[in-house]
Amino acid sequence: MARVVILGAGISGHTAARYLGKWIGKQHEVIVVSPKPKWNWIPSNIWVAVGEMTESQVTFDLAPIYKKINVAFHQAKALSINPEGSATRDKPFVSVEYTESGREGELGEIEYDYLINATGPKLNFGATPGLGPDGGHSLSVCTSEHALETNAALQECVEAMKGGATKTFVVGTGHGMCTCQGAAFEYIYNVDHTLRGAGVRDRGRIVWISNEYELGDFGMGGVHITRGGYLTNGKVFAESLMVERDIEWITRAAVTKVEPGKIHYEQLDGSTHELEFDFAMLIPPFAGVGIKAFDKSGGDITSEVFAPNGFMKVDADYAPKAYEDWSKNDWPRTYQNPTYKNMFAVGIAFAPPHPISKVMKSPGGTQISPTPPRTGMPSATMGKAVAGSIRDMINGASGPTHTASMAETGAACVASTGMDLFKGSAATMTVFPVVPDYETYPEYGRDMNLTFGEIGLAGHWMKYLLHHVFIYQAKLRPGWSILPD
């Protein structure tokens, strides 16, 4: 009997666990290790953060769900990996610290035959002084708890505006190397929608601040899209949305410090500025969660297993290259660790070989350019592919049998506003592939038949439907495995 241990229960980890439980849960052991007892459909935190959904609508308990498919759940956080075992233990194992009530701080070790690192990111608020809701001066939508706090602050502003006050709302990225612009991009339109619904939009100034070189970059090196039968670019698409809603924007900006009511930022030209605010929701940069790795004798091999940013190395080409020399072939396909073949990393937990957007630095050396997005659809695709590979390796395959390169897969983003089925709207964008492939698509790097953007009520319905479909699927309701991931 083989044992598969999955670290993390986000989109990629939960996807891997669902399929492994279905495929091998009765014959082999599948264990999920996660520090939180609940699963959170993070894309819908946006709606929690404007009061359109409750926390219970975007979360559910994991342990009862996993029992349905013979998956064990350990509420704990991973501390270290011993991929060679130790002087007293032959099998590889993970050291954990339990976080469940009654076991807080208890240490343990879990042996494995196969390991999937799906820990996701550390929300690195500390990279920017004053950033974040925990001891900082800005808000977040990265967790359901953060979203609740953000909504409370938003509603307080709305009530003050109803009394005649004017407010400045700032939404965007809180560091020069952030990713996940899409979450902030969707949230800013929901703030606009909320203020309009409350009849106070004329008393609100809304400002977008981002490390993108131009609007519509989204960490993907920019994108050309087909819209209404015409070819345009992401910059025009994004700018038109903001102009229509009277939203200001600041790009090529790295937030360097957040004080109460004041954001300090540096732009790519080296200039420094201040921006006063009453409400600021800024996405933090991501880092690895800080897992260590040790060899059989106890020697520290963390730098061999993980990149300097804390993400796990996989089958990518990490050789330093000029931007012009980067290729789709640099990107991982199987997500297998090159040294320890029974270890994989998926979702945000794997180390990208390089950014997709060109690295830019200010004259003072501050990097102001997005890091690669790896959330949502790509994360689920990776999780299912790695689950399939491990299933087949357990059954005798000599190596990974499934691939999910971001240079061969697409992604969809639906930025929807409000929950009313007849008054909402959405900006819908699909991209294929996520990493540009100029060998196959020499003009724009992407298949223009599959890369498009539209605005309207249909996209809003799609986002609403997808929320319920993905929650249904994640809860392992009847027929879940035939639904798209």
Protein backbone atom coordinates (compact mmCIF):
# COMPACT_ATOMS: atom_id res chain seq x y z
CA MET A 1 0.00 0.00 0.00
CA ALA A 2 1.32 3.43 -0.98
CA ARG A 3 0.81 6.65 0.97
CA VAL A 4 0.35 10.01 -0.75
CA VAL A 5 0.66 13.11 1.41
CA ILE A 6 -0.70 16.43 0.10
CA LEU A 7 0.46 19.60 1.83
CA GLY A 8 -2.25 22.23 1.45
CA ALA A 9 -5.95 22.22 0.64
CA GLY A 10 -6.35 25.20 -1.64
CA ILE A 11 -7.51 24.92 -5.23
CA SER A 12 -4.59 22.76 -6.41
CA GLY A 13 -4.26 20.62 -3.27
CA HIS A 14 -8.00 20.01 -2.96
CA THR A 15 -8.21 19.12 -6.65
CA ALA A 16 -5.39 16.58 -6.28
CA ALA A 17 -7.01 15.15 -3.14
CA ARG A 18 -10.43 14.80 -4.79
CA TYR A 19 -9.10 12.81 -7.71
CA LEU A 20 -6.64 10.69 -5.75
CA GLY A 21 -9.39 9.84 -3.28
CA LYS A 22 -11.66 8.81 -6.14
CA TRP A 23 -8.99 6.88 -8.02
CA ILE A 24 -6.93 5.15 -5.30
CA GLY A 25 -8.53 6.03 -1.95
CA LYS A 26 -9.82 2.50 -1.33
CA GLN A 27 -6.53 0.74 -2.15
CA HIS A 28 -3.97 3.26 -0.87
CA GLU A 29 -3.63 6.01 1.73
CA VAL A 30 -4.22 9.66 0.84
CA ILE A 31 -3.56 12.25 3.54
CA VAL A 32 -4.18 15.99 3.32
CA VAL A 33 -2.29 18.29 5.71
CA SER A 34 -3.60 21.84 6.04
CA PRO A 35 -3.39 24.36 8.91
CA LYS A 36 -7.01 25.46 8.50
CA PRO A 37 -10.09 23.24 8.93
CA LYS A 38 -12.07 24.92 6.18
CA TRP A 39 -11.82 25.17 2.41
CA ASN A 40 -12.23 28.64 0.93
CA TRP A 41 -13.34 29.38 -2.64
CA ILE A 42 -11.04 32.40 -2.82
CA PRO A 43 -12.39 33.96 -6.06
CA SER A 44 -15.70 34.66 -4.30
CA ASN A 45 -14.03 36.45 -1.39
CA ILE A 46 -14.51 39.50 -3.60
CA TRP A 47 -18.27 39.30 -2.98
CA VAL A 48 -17.79 38.77 0.76
CA ALA A 49 -15.68 41.93 0.80
CA VAL A 50 -18.59 44.04 -0.51
CA GLY A 51 -21.28 42.36 1.58
CA GLU A 52 -22.87 40.42 -1.29
CA MET A 53 -22.03 37.00 0.20
CA THR A 54 -21.50 35.61 3.68
CA GLU A 55 -18.40 33.75 4.81
CA SER A 56 -20.42 30.52 5.04
CA GLN A 57 -21.21 30.77 1.31
CA VAL A 58 -17.51 30.60 0.36
CA THR A 59 -16.17 28.12 2.95
CA PHE A 60 -16.91 24.62 4.26
CA ASP A 61 -15.32 22.06 6.61
CA LEU A 62 -12.81 19.78 4.92
CA ALA A 63 -12.74 16.69 7.14
CA PRO A 64 -16.33 15.52 6.45
CA ILE A 65 -15.81 15.98 2.71
CA TYR A 66 -12.64 13.90 2.64
CA LYS A 67 -14.31 11.04 4.52
CA LYS A 68 -16.52 10.52 1.46
CA ILE A 69 -13.51 9.44 -0.61
CA ASN A 70 -11.31 7.77 2.04
CA VAL A 71 -8.94 10.72 2.41
CA ALA A 72 -7.51 11.42 5.88
CA PHE A 73 -7.27 15.02 7.05
CA HIS A 74 -4.66 16.39 9.45
CA GLN A 75 -5.15 19.97 10.60
CA ALA A 76 -1.51 20.95 10.82
CA LYS A 77 1.13 23.03 9.12
CA ALA A 78 4.20 21.50 7.50
CA LEU A 79 7.52 22.51 9.04
CA SER A 80 10.07 20.46 7.12
CA ILE A 81 10.57 17.66 4.63
CA ASN A 82 13.06 14.80 4.99
CA PRO A 83 12.98 13.35 1.45
CA GLU A 84 15.67 10.75 2.28
CA GLY A 85 14.33 9.79 5.68
CA SER A 86 16.68 10.18 8.64
CA ALA A 87 19.30 8.29 10.62
CA THR A 88 16.50 6.54 12.51
CA ARG A 89 13.82 6.39 9.82
CA ASP A 90 14.20 4.79 6.37
CA LYS A 91 11.15 6.32 4.69
CA PRO A 92 10.83 9.98 3.72
CA PHE A 93 8.61 12.02 6.01
CA VAL A 94 7.16 15.44 6.72
CA SER A 95 7.43 17.13 10.11
CA VAL A 96 4.26 18.99 11.10
CA GLU A 97 2.84 21.13 13.88
CA TYR A 98 -0.82 20.52 14.67
CA THR A 99 -3.16 23.52 14.76
CA GLU A 100 -6.51 21.93 15.64
CA SER A 101 -8.21 22.73 18.93
CA GLY A 102 -6.74 20.67 21.75
CA ARG A 103 -3.57 19.81 19.83
CA GLU A 104 -2.13 23.27 19.21
CA GLY A 105 1.65 23.14 19.07
CA GLU A 106 1.85 19.34 19.10
CA LEU A 107 4.58 18.07 16.76
CA GLY A 108 4.35 15.03 14.54
CA GLU A 109 5.93 13.20 11.61
CA ILE A 110 4.06 11.74 8.64
CA GLU A 111 5.80 9.26 6.35
CA TYR A 112 5.04 9.25 2.64
CA ASP A 113 5.72 7.41 -0.59
CA TYR A 114 4.63 10.38 -2.70
CA LEU A 115 4.40 14.03 -1.70
CA ILE A 116 2.50 16.89 -3.32
CA ASN A 117 3.47 20.36 -2.14
CA ALA A 118 0.33 22.47 -2.62
CA THR A 119 0.90 24.82 0.30
CA GLY A 120 0.13 27.94 -1.71
CA PRO A 121 1.75 31.22 -0.71
CA LYS A 122 2.77 33.01 2.39
CA LEU A 123 0.91 36.33 2.20
CA ASN A 124 4.04 38.41 2.55
CA PHE A 125 2.56 41.62 3.95
CA GLY A 126 5.82 42.19 5.81
CA ALA A 127 7.65 42.90 2.54
CA THR A 128 6.12 46.40 2.56
CA PRO A 129 6.15 48.34 5.86
CA GLY A 130 2.61 49.02 7.04
CA LEU A 131 0.94 46.73 4.50
CA GLY A 132 -1.93 44.47 5.47
CA PRO A 133 -4.73 44.12 7.98
CA ASP A 134 -2.71 42.45 10.74
CA GLY A 135 -0.81 45.31 12.30
CA GLY A 136 -0.76 47.32 9.07
CA HIS A 137 -2.92 50.03 7.58
CA SER A 138 -4.44 48.41 4.48
CA LEU A 139 -7.05 45.74 3.82
CA SER A 140 -7.10 42.43 1.95
CA VAL A 141 -9.40 39.93 0.21
CA CYS A 142 -6.94 37.03 0.31
CA THR A 143 -8.82 35.10 2.99
CA SER A 144 -12.47 34.99 4.00
CA GLU A 145 -11.56 36.56 7.35
CA HIS A 146 -9.79 39.42 5.58
CA ALA A 147 -12.77 39.87 3.27
CA LEU A 148 -15.15 40.26 6.22
CA GLU A 149 -12.93 42.93 7.73
CA THR A 150 -12.67 44.69 4.39
CA ASN A 151 -16.43 44.76 3.95
CA ALA A 152 -16.90 46.23 7.42
CA ALA A 153 -14.52 49.06 6.52
CA LEU A 154 -16.25 49.59 3.17
CA GLN A 155 -19.71 49.80 4.72
CA GLU A 156 -18.43 52.27 7.31
CA CYS A 157 -17.22 54.49 4.46
CA VAL A 158 -20.55 54.17 2.67
CA GLU A 159 -22.48 55.24 5.77
CA ALA A 160 -20.21 58.25 6.23
CA MET A 161 -20.70 59.19 2.58
CA LYS A 162 -24.46 59.00 3.00
CA GLY A 163 -23.98 61.66 5.66
CA GLY A 164 -22.14 63.90 3.20
CA ALA A 165 -18.49 62.82 3.64
CA THR A 166 -16.14 62.34 0.68
CA LYS A 167 -13.81 59.34 0.60
CA THR A 168 -10.83 58.14 -1.42
CA PHE A 169 -10.64 54.42 -2.20
CA VAL A 170 -7.35 52.89 -3.37
CA VAL A 171 -7.22 49.34 -4.72
CA GLY A 172 -4.32 47.46 -6.32
CA THR A 173 -0.97 45.88 -5.50
CA GLY A 174 1.06 46.61 -2.39
CA HIS A 175 4.57 45.85 -3.61
CA GLY A 176 6.68 46.13 -6.76
CA MET A 177 6.72 42.36 -7.37
CA CYS A 178 3.11 41.42 -6.67
CA THR A 179 1.08 39.00 -8.70
CA CYS A 180 -2.70 38.36 -8.61
CA GLN A 181 -3.68 41.73 -10.11
CA GLY A 182 -6.87 40.03 -11.25
CA ALA A 183 -8.32 39.83 -7.73
CA ALA A 184 -7.73 43.53 -7.13
CA PHE A 185 -8.95 44.34 -10.63
CA GLU A 186 -12.27 42.64 -9.93
CA TYR A 187 -12.57 44.16 -6.49
CA ILE A 188 -12.18 47.75 -7.65
CA TYR A 189 -15.20 47.38 -9.93
CA ASN A 190 -17.21 45.92 -7.08
CA VAL A 191 -16.32 48.94 -4.94
CA ASP A 192 -17.55 51.19 -7.75
CA HIS A 193 -20.72 49.09 -8.06
CA THR A 194 -21.35 49.26 -4.31
CA LEU A 195 -20.97 53.04 -4.19
CA ARG A 196 -23.32 53.47 -7.14
CA GLY A 197 -25.88 51.17 -5.56
CA ALA A 198 -25.74 53.23 -2.37
CA GLY A 199 -26.18 56.46 -4.32
CA VAL A 200 -22.87 57.93 -3.15
CA ARG A 201 -20.54 57.37 -6.12
CA ASP A 202 -20.25 61.13 -6.67
CA ARG A 203 -18.66 61.47 -3.23
CA GLY A 204 -16.02 58.82 -3.86
CA ARG A 205 -12.66 59.02 -5.61
CA ILE A 206 -11.48 55.57 -6.74
CA VAL A 207 -7.81 54.98 -7.67
CA TRP A 208 -6.14 51.88 -9.08
CA ILE A 209 -2.43 51.47 -8.24
CA SER A 210 -0.41 48.67 -9.79
CA ASN A 211 3.07 47.43 -10.60
CA GLU A 212 1.98 46.63 -14.16
CA TYR A 213 3.85 48.44 -16.93
CA GLU A 214 0.49 49.13 -18.55
CA LEU A 215 -3.06 48.35 -17.54
CA GLY A 216 -4.11 44.88 -18.65
CA ASP A 217 -0.69 43.28 -18.16
CA PHE A 218 -1.89 40.99 -15.33
CA GLY A 219 1.60 39.55 -15.02
CA MET A 220 1.27 37.86 -18.42
CA GLY A 221 3.47 40.18 -20.45
CA GLY A 222 0.43 41.99 -21.75
CA VAL A 223 -2.16 40.38 -23.96
CA HIS A 224 -3.92 40.98 -27.25
CA ILE A 225 -7.57 39.94 -27.35
CA THR A 226 -10.38 39.56 -29.83
CA ARG A 227 -13.41 41.63 -28.85
CA GLY A 228 -16.56 42.01 -30.92
CA GLY A 229 -14.76 40.65 -33.97
CA TYR A 230 -11.90 43.15 -33.66
CA LEU A 231 -8.37 42.75 -32.36
CA THR A 232 -7.32 45.02 -29.49
CA ASN A 233 -4.93 44.83 -26.56
CA GLY A 234 -5.35 44.43 -22.84
CA LYS A 235 -4.33 48.03 -22.22
CA VAL A 236 -7.19 49.47 -24.30
CA PHE A 237 -9.63 46.92 -22.84
CA ALA A 238 -8.71 47.75 -19.21
CA GLU A 239 -8.45 51.50 -19.73
CA SER A 240 -11.87 51.66 -21.36
CA LEU A 241 -13.41 49.93 -18.34
CA MET A 242 -11.85 52.43 -15.97
CA VAL A 243 -12.67 55.50 -18.03
CA GLU A 244 -16.32 54.43 -18.25
CA ARG A 245 -16.46 54.20 -14.46
CA ASP A 246 -14.42 57.32 -13.68
CA ILE A 247 -11.65 55.30 -12.02
CA GLU A 248 -8.16 56.83 -11.98
CA TRP A 249 -5.09 54.66 -12.41
CA ILE A 250 -1.42 54.68 -11.48
CA THR A 251 0.81 52.05 -13.10
CA ARG A 252 4.53 51.21 -12.97
CA ALA A 253 4.31 51.77 -9.22
CA ALA A 254 5.81 49.97 -6.23
CA VAL A 255 4.17 50.72 -2.91
CA THR A 256 7.08 51.22 -0.51
CA LYS A 257 5.26 52.07 2.73
CA VAL A 258 1.73 52.39 4.03
CA GLU A 259 1.00 54.80 6.85
CA PRO A 260 -2.43 55.55 8.34
CA GLY A 261 -4.25 57.28 5.51
CA LYS A 262 -1.18 57.60 3.28
CA ILE A 263 0.51 55.38 0.67
CA HIS A 264 4.12 56.00 -0.35
CA TYR A 265 5.15 54.68 -3.74
CA GLU A 266 8.01 54.76 -6.24
CA GLN A 267 7.51 54.69 -9.99
CA LEU A 268 9.64 53.13 -12.66
CA ASP A 269 11.19 56.47 -13.58
CA GLY A 270 12.53 56.77 -10.03
CA SER A 271 10.09 59.41 -8.86
CA THR A 272 8.48 59.04 -5.43
CA HIS A 273 4.95 60.06 -4.50
CA GLU A 274 2.34 59.99 -1.75
CA LEU A 275 -1.33 59.13 -2.10
CA GLU A 276 -3.81 59.85 0.68
CA PHE A 277 -6.66 57.41 1.23
CA ASP A 278 -9.60 56.60 3.44
CA PHE A 279 -9.86 52.98 2.31
CA ALA A 280 -7.06 50.88 0.77
CA MET A 281 -7.24 47.25 -0.36
CA LEU A 282 -3.80 46.19 -1.55
CA ILE A 283 -2.80 42.67 -2.58
CA PRO A 284 0.47 41.54 -0.92
CA PRO A 285 3.40 39.85 -2.63
CA PHE A 286 3.64 36.08 -2.33
CA ALA A 287 6.48 33.97 -0.94
CA GLY A 288 6.94 30.32 -0.09
CA VAL A 289 5.54 29.28 3.28
CA GLY A 290 9.01 28.59 4.68
CA ILE A 291 9.25 24.80 4.71
CA LYS A 292 12.76 23.46 5.38
CA ALA A 293 14.36 20.36 3.87
CA PHE A 294 16.94 18.03 5.43
CA ASP A 295 18.96 15.08 4.13
CA LYS A 296 19.33 11.70 5.82
CA SER A 297 22.08 12.91 8.14
CA GLY A 298 20.11 16.01 9.14
CA GLY A 299 22.00 18.42 6.89
CA ASP A 300 20.05 21.42 5.62
CA ILE A 301 19.24 21.00 1.90
CA THR A 302 16.55 23.68 1.74
CA SER A 303 18.42 25.62 -0.96
CA GLU A 304 18.58 22.49 -3.12
CA VAL A 305 14.88 21.70 -2.88
CA PHE A 306 13.49 25.24 -2.81
CA ALA A 307 14.26 28.41 -4.75
CA PRO A 308 15.35 31.52 -2.80
CA ASN A 309 11.74 32.74 -2.72
CA GLY A 310 10.69 29.58 -0.86
CA PHE A 311 8.86 27.88 -3.73
CA MET A 312 9.75 24.28 -4.62
CA LYS A 313 11.92 23.52 -7.63
CA VAL A 314 10.32 21.36 -10.29
CA ASP A 315 11.08 20.29 -13.87
CA ALA A 316 11.70 23.82 -15.13
CA ASP A 317 14.79 25.44 -16.62
CA TYR A 318 16.07 27.76 -13.90
CA ALA A 319 19.21 28.85 -15.76
CA PRO A 320 19.50 32.68 -15.81
CA LYS A 321 18.61 34.05 -19.23
CA ALA A 322 17.98 37.34 -20.94
CA TYR A 323 14.32 38.19 -21.46
CA GLU A 324 14.68 37.64 -25.20
CA ASP A 325 15.93 34.09 -24.59
CA TRP A 326 13.07 32.94 -22.38
CA SER A 327 11.03 30.19 -23.96
CA LYS A 328 7.85 28.21 -23.37
CA ASN A 329 10.16 25.21 -22.95
CA ASP A 330 11.55 26.72 -19.73
CA TRP A 331 8.23 26.09 -18.00
CA PRO A 332 7.53 22.88 -16.06
CA ARG A 333 5.30 20.24 -17.56
CA THR A 334 5.08 17.48 -14.92
CA TYR A 335 5.84 19.49 -11.71
CA GLN A 336 8.15 16.74 -10.49
CA ASN A 337 11.12 17.70 -8.31
CA PRO A 338 14.30 17.03 -10.33
CA THR A 339 16.16 15.41 -7.40
CA TYR A 340 13.45 13.57 -5.51
CA LYS A 341 11.19 11.97 -8.09
CA ASN A 342 8.42 11.17 -5.63
CA MET A 343 7.88 14.86 -4.81
CA PHE A 344 5.78 17.31 -6.81
CA ALA A 345 4.73 20.95 -6.37
CA VAL A 346 1.59 22.50 -7.83
CA GLY A 347 -0.26 25.81 -7.85
CA ILE A 348 1.56 28.73 -6.29
CA ALA A 349 3.89 26.31 -4.45
CA PHE A 350 6.08 25.60 -7.50
CA ALA A 351 8.95 27.91 -8.40
CA PRO A 352 8.46 29.58 -11.81
CA PRO A 353 11.57 29.68 -14.00
CA HIS A 354 11.17 33.40 -14.71
CA PRO A 355 8.53 36.13 -14.87
CA ILE A 356 6.27 36.31 -17.90
CA SER A 357 6.32 40.11 -17.93
CA LYS A 358 9.70 41.67 -18.60
CA VAL A 359 11.60 42.50 -15.42
CA MET A 360 11.79 46.28 -14.96
CA LYS A 361 13.71 48.23 -12.33
CA SER A 362 13.74 51.86 -11.29
CA PRO A 363 17.01 53.83 -11.41
CA GLY A 364 17.39 53.03 -7.71
CA GLY A 365 17.13 49.29 -8.36
CA THR A 366 13.55 48.66 -7.20
CA GLN A 367 11.95 45.92 -9.28
CA ILE A 368 8.56 47.11 -10.51
CA SER A 369 7.07 44.32 -12.57
CA PRO A 370 4.59 41.53 -11.84
CA THR A 371 5.54 37.98 -10.99
CA PRO A 372 3.74 35.14 -12.81
CA PRO A 373 0.10 34.37 -11.94
CA ARG A 374 -0.50 30.70 -11.00
CA THR A 375 -3.91 30.78 -9.35
CA GLY A 376 -7.38 29.58 -10.33
CA MET A 377 -7.75 27.47 -13.45
CA PRO A 378 -4.01 26.72 -13.92
CA SER A 379 -3.77 25.54 -10.30
CA ALA A 380 -6.65 23.09 -10.73
CA THR A 381 -5.20 21.80 -14.00
CA MET A 382 -1.84 21.14 -12.34
CA GLY A 383 -3.45 19.41 -9.37
CA LYS A 384 -5.42 16.99 -11.53
CA ALA A 385 -2.42 16.27 -13.79
CA VAL A 386 -0.11 15.45 -10.89
CA ALA A 387 -2.81 13.31 -9.26
CA GLY A 388 -3.05 11.34 -12.51
CA SER A 389 0.71 10.90 -12.69
CA ILE A 390 0.98 9.65 -9.11
CA ARG A 391 -1.90 7.23 -9.64
CA ASP A 392 -0.13 5.79 -12.67
CA MET A 393 3.28 5.66 -10.94
CA ILE A 394 1.73 3.75 -8.05
CA ASN A 395 0.33 1.34 -10.63
CA GLY A 396 3.72 0.79 -12.26
CA ALA A 397 4.48 3.73 -14.56
CA SER A 398 8.16 4.67 -14.57
CA GLY A 399 7.50 8.41 -14.34
CA PRO A 400 4.90 11.14 -14.70
CA THR A 401 2.24 10.40 -17.30
CA HIS A 402 0.34 13.70 -17.34
CA THR A 403 1.44 17.24 -18.15
CA ALA A 404 0.01 20.70 -17.52
CA SER A 405 2.47 23.29 -18.79
CA MET A 406 1.26 26.87 -18.46
CA ALA A 407 2.62 27.31 -21.99
CA GLU A 408 0.13 24.70 -23.20
CA THR A 409 -2.94 25.53 -21.09
CA GLY A 410 -5.25 28.50 -20.89
CA ALA A 411 -7.04 30.50 -18.24
CA ALA A 412 -10.25 32.43 -17.90
CA CYS A 413 -10.91 35.47 -15.74
CA VAL A 414 -14.41 36.77 -15.07
CA ALA A 415 -14.46 40.09 -13.19
CA SER A 416 -18.07 40.43 -12.11
CA THR A 417 -19.83 43.17 -10.14
CA GLY A 418 -22.70 42.66 -7.75
CA MET A 419 -24.99 39.67 -7.21
CA ASP A 420 -28.21 40.89 -8.85
CA LEU A 421 -28.99 38.65 -11.81
CA PHE A 422 -30.34 41.54 -13.91
CA LYS A 423 -28.30 44.57 -12.85
CA GLY A 424 -24.78 43.15 -12.73
CA SER A 425 -22.08 43.14 -15.37
CA ALA A 426 -18.77 41.43 -15.95
CA ALA A 427 -15.56 41.75 -17.92
CA THR A 428 -14.73 38.29 -19.23
CA MET A 429 -11.29 37.42 -20.57
CA THR A 430 -9.82 34.12 -21.72
CA VAL A 431 -6.16 33.59 -22.57
CA PHE A 432 -4.55 30.64 -24.35
CA PRO A 433 -1.86 29.82 -23.48
CA VAL A 434 -1.03 31.63 -20.24
CA VAL A 435 2.70 31.74 -21.06
CA PRO A 436 3.14 33.21 -24.54
CA ASP A 437 4.19 30.70 -27.20
CA TYR A 438 5.81 32.66 -30.02
CA GLU A 439 6.96 29.49 -31.75
CA THR A 440 3.40 28.33 -32.41
CA TYR A 441 1.79 31.80 -32.52
CA PRO A 442 4.56 34.09 -33.79
CA GLU A 443 2.52 37.29 -34.08
CA TYR A 444 0.99 37.61 -30.60
CA GLY A 445 2.21 34.55 -28.72
CA ARG A 446 -1.34 33.28 -28.21
CA ASP A 447 -4.16 31.66 -30.15
CA MET A 448 -6.41 34.60 -31.00
CA ASN A 449 -9.36 32.27 -31.58
CA LEU A 450 -9.18 31.33 -27.89
CA THR A 451 -7.99 34.66 -26.47
CA PHE A 452 -10.78 37.17 -26.23
CA GLY A 453 -12.56 39.65 -23.98
CA GLU A 454 -16.19 40.69 -23.63
CA ILE A 455 -18.22 42.91 -21.32
CA GLY A 456 -21.84 42.37 -20.33
CA LEU A 457 -24.52 40.57 -18.37
CA ALA A 458 -23.72 37.15 -19.85
CA GLY A 459 -20.31 37.12 -18.16
CA HIS A 460 -21.96 38.11 -14.89
CA TRP A 461 -24.29 35.10 -15.15
CA MET A 462 -21.31 32.91 -15.94
CA LYS A 463 -19.42 34.02 -12.83
CA TYR A 464 -22.48 33.45 -10.65
CA LEU A 465 -22.97 29.98 -12.18
CA LEU A 466 -19.29 29.09 -11.82
CA HIS A 467 -19.34 29.97 -8.13
CA HIS A 468 -22.10 27.44 -7.49
CA VAL A 469 -20.63 24.82 -9.83
CA PHE A 470 -17.20 24.92 -8.20
CA ILE A 471 -18.64 24.85 -4.66
CA TYR A 472 -20.83 21.88 -5.70
CA GLN A 473 -17.81 20.13 -7.19
CA ALA A 474 -15.52 20.88 -4.26
CA LYS A 475 -18.10 19.42 -1.85
CA LEU A 476 -18.07 16.19 -3.88
CA ARG A 477 -21.74 16.33 -4.73
CA PRO A 478 -23.12 13.63 -7.07
CA GLY A 479 -21.46 13.77 -10.49
CA TRP A 480 -18.70 16.13 -9.32
CA SER A 481 -15.98 14.40 -11.32
CA ILE A 482 -17.66 15.01 -14.67
CA LEU A 483 -17.75 18.79 -14.12
CA PRO A 484 -14.92 20.93 -15.53
CA ASP A 485 -12.14 21.93 -13.13
